[in-house]
Amino acid sequence: MPATFNTALPSVNGLCLQHCSKCGHINYPVRELCGKCLGDSLVWQNVDGGGTVQSVTALHYPLEQNFSAQLPWRIASVKLDVGPVAFAHLQPDSVCGARITLSIAQDEAGNNVLVAKGDKDSASEWLSAIKYTEIRT
């Protein structure tokens, strides 16, 4: 049975991150206080998911059994155009320096996770192959 965990990412279309009402800073990962001004007025807002792949790593051994069929599993650090750097599951044909779109998807256990998609045509095939569902509202 796939593991479940709480990423605190909301189930919304596209990408939704915390925005500080006091200073305007976009915060990620999820936190209780703004990482810039320590304000406690953080609200969820849709943001542009565009970004650039900074680094890529491939996992060759699964910690969770449900990843075994998809090895090597690629993960990337992505510098978002709106500021933060996020770690995300990476579409196989994307490389360092590539432009991607970050969005929220649900794995087969119902966990909301970040996915970095490159080419739109192959992205839907990739998500289907790994049994992830892009969240649409």
Protein backbone atom coordinates (compact mmCIF):
# COMPACT_ATOMS: atom_id res chain seq x y z
CA MET A 1 0.00 0.00 0.00
CA PRO A 2 1.43 3.42 -0.94
CA ALA A 3 2.48 5.69 1.92
CA THR A 4 0.45 8.79 2.69
CA PHE A 5 1.95 12.03 3.95
CA ASN A 6 0.81 15.61 4.40
CA THR A 7 2.52 18.11 2.10
CA ALA A 8 -0.02 20.82 3.00
CA LEU A 9 -0.35 21.66 -0.70
CA PRO A 10 -3.94 22.62 -1.53
CA SER A 11 -5.98 20.72 -4.11
CA VAL A 12 -6.27 23.45 -6.71
CA ASN A 13 -5.67 23.78 -10.44
CA GLY A 14 -2.17 24.94 -11.27
CA LEU A 15 0.13 26.02 -8.46
CA CYS A 16 -0.97 27.71 -5.26
CA LEU A 17 1.63 28.98 -2.74
CA GLN A 18 1.56 31.07 0.40
CA HIS A 19 1.69 34.84 -0.13
CA CYS A 20 2.52 37.22 2.72
CA SER A 21 -0.12 39.93 3.06
CA LYS A 22 2.38 42.16 4.89
CA CYS A 23 5.42 42.18 2.57
CA GLY A 24 4.22 40.33 -0.56
CA HIS A 25 6.85 37.56 -0.35
CA ILE A 26 5.94 34.19 -1.92
CA ASN A 27 6.72 31.45 0.62
CA TYR A 28 7.68 27.86 -0.05
CA PRO A 29 7.90 25.40 1.59
CA VAL A 30 4.69 25.80 3.58
CA ARG A 31 5.28 27.63 6.88
CA GLU A 32 3.49 29.43 9.68
CA LEU A 33 5.45 32.70 9.41
CA CYS A 34 6.76 34.59 6.39
CA GLY A 35 10.35 33.66 5.60
CA LYS A 36 11.17 37.30 4.83
CA CYS A 37 9.38 39.49 7.41
CA LEU A 38 8.10 36.90 9.94
CA GLY A 39 4.54 38.14 9.38
CA ASP A 40 1.80 35.69 10.26
CA SER A 41 -0.68 36.74 7.60
CA LEU A 42 -0.03 34.12 4.92
CA VAL A 43 -2.75 33.45 2.35
CA TRP A 44 -2.87 30.88 -0.44
CA GLN A 45 -2.73 32.41 -3.92
CA ASN A 46 -2.40 31.00 -7.40
CA VAL A 47 1.02 31.74 -8.83
CA ASP A 48 2.66 31.26 -12.20
CA GLY A 49 4.25 27.79 -12.19
CA GLY A 50 6.96 28.71 -14.69
CA GLY A 51 10.52 28.01 -13.70
CA THR A 52 13.94 26.68 -14.63
CA VAL A 53 15.44 23.32 -13.66
CA GLN A 54 18.53 24.03 -11.53
CA SER A 55 19.65 20.50 -10.73
CA VAL A 56 18.53 16.94 -11.33
CA THR A 57 19.10 13.72 -9.45
CA ALA A 58 17.92 10.20 -10.14
CA LEU A 59 16.91 7.76 -7.44
CA HIS A 60 17.86 4.18 -8.29
CA TYR A 61 16.57 2.53 -5.14
CA PRO A 62 13.00 3.08 -3.90
CA LEU A 63 12.16 3.84 -0.31
CA GLU A 64 8.52 3.24 -1.22
CA GLN A 65 7.51 0.13 -3.15
CA ASN A 66 5.16 2.00 -5.51
CA PHE A 67 8.18 3.78 -7.08
CA SER A 68 9.92 0.51 -8.09
CA ALA A 69 8.38 0.23 -11.55
CA GLN A 70 9.42 3.77 -12.49
CA LEU A 71 13.12 3.68 -11.59
CA PRO A 72 15.22 5.65 -12.06
CA TRP A 73 12.95 8.27 -10.46
CA ARG A 74 14.00 11.82 -11.32
CA ILE A 75 13.76 14.73 -8.91
CA ALA A 76 14.74 18.32 -9.62
CA SER A 77 15.27 21.57 -7.82
CA VAL A 78 13.34 24.21 -9.73
CA LYS A 79 13.86 27.96 -9.43
CA LEU A 80 10.38 29.41 -9.85
CA ASP A 81 9.96 32.70 -11.71
CA VAL A 82 8.04 34.00 -8.66
CA GLY A 83 11.05 33.43 -6.37
CA PRO A 84 11.18 30.21 -4.34
CA VAL A 85 13.13 27.06 -5.17
CA ALA A 86 11.09 23.86 -4.96
CA PHE A 87 11.86 20.16 -5.26
CA ALA A 88 9.58 18.29 -7.63
CA HIS A 89 9.11 15.02 -9.48
CA LEU A 90 10.66 15.68 -12.91
CA GLN A 91 9.37 14.63 -16.30
CA PRO A 92 11.97 12.21 -17.78
CA ASP A 93 12.93 14.23 -20.87
CA SER A 94 13.69 17.48 -18.98
CA VAL A 95 17.30 18.52 -18.28
CA CYS A 96 19.17 21.16 -16.27
CA GLY A 97 18.43 24.63 -17.61
CA ALA A 98 15.13 23.54 -19.17
CA ARG A 99 12.02 25.68 -18.81
CA ILE A 100 9.26 23.78 -17.03
CA THR A 101 5.85 24.32 -15.52
CA LEU A 102 5.36 23.31 -11.91
CA SER A 103 1.92 22.11 -10.86
CA ILE A 104 0.23 20.03 -8.19
CA ALA A 105 -0.72 16.42 -8.87
CA GLN A 106 -2.09 13.61 -6.76
CA ASP A 107 -0.31 10.29 -6.48
CA GLU A 108 -2.21 7.01 -6.25
CA ALA A 109 -2.31 7.27 -2.43
CA GLY A 110 -4.00 10.69 -2.62
CA ASN A 111 -0.91 12.74 -1.66
CA ASN A 112 -0.59 16.17 -3.27
CA VAL A 113 2.88 16.47 -4.79
CA LEU A 114 4.76 18.90 -7.02
CA VAL A 115 5.46 17.83 -10.59
CA ALA A 116 7.76 19.60 -13.06
CA LYS A 117 6.47 19.26 -16.61
CA GLY A 118 8.35 20.12 -19.78
CA ASP A 119 6.82 19.23 -23.12
CA LYS A 120 3.02 19.35 -22.83
CA ASP A 121 2.37 16.39 -25.14
CA SER A 122 4.61 13.96 -23.27
CA ALA A 123 3.68 15.36 -19.82
CA SER A 124 0.20 13.84 -19.84
CA GLU A 125 1.63 10.47 -20.94
CA TRP A 126 4.24 10.63 -18.16
CA LEU A 127 1.69 11.49 -15.46
CA SER A 128 -0.54 8.66 -16.63
CA ALA A 129 2.37 6.18 -16.65
CA ILE A 130 3.31 6.99 -13.05
CA LYS A 131 -0.36 7.01 -11.99
CA TYR A 132 -0.43 10.67 -10.98
CA THR A 133 -3.46 12.85 -11.65
CA GLU A 134 -2.97 16.53 -12.27
CA ILE A 135 -5.36 18.46 -10.06
CA ARG A 136 -8.03 20.40 -11.95
CA THR A 137 -10.78 22.40 -10.27
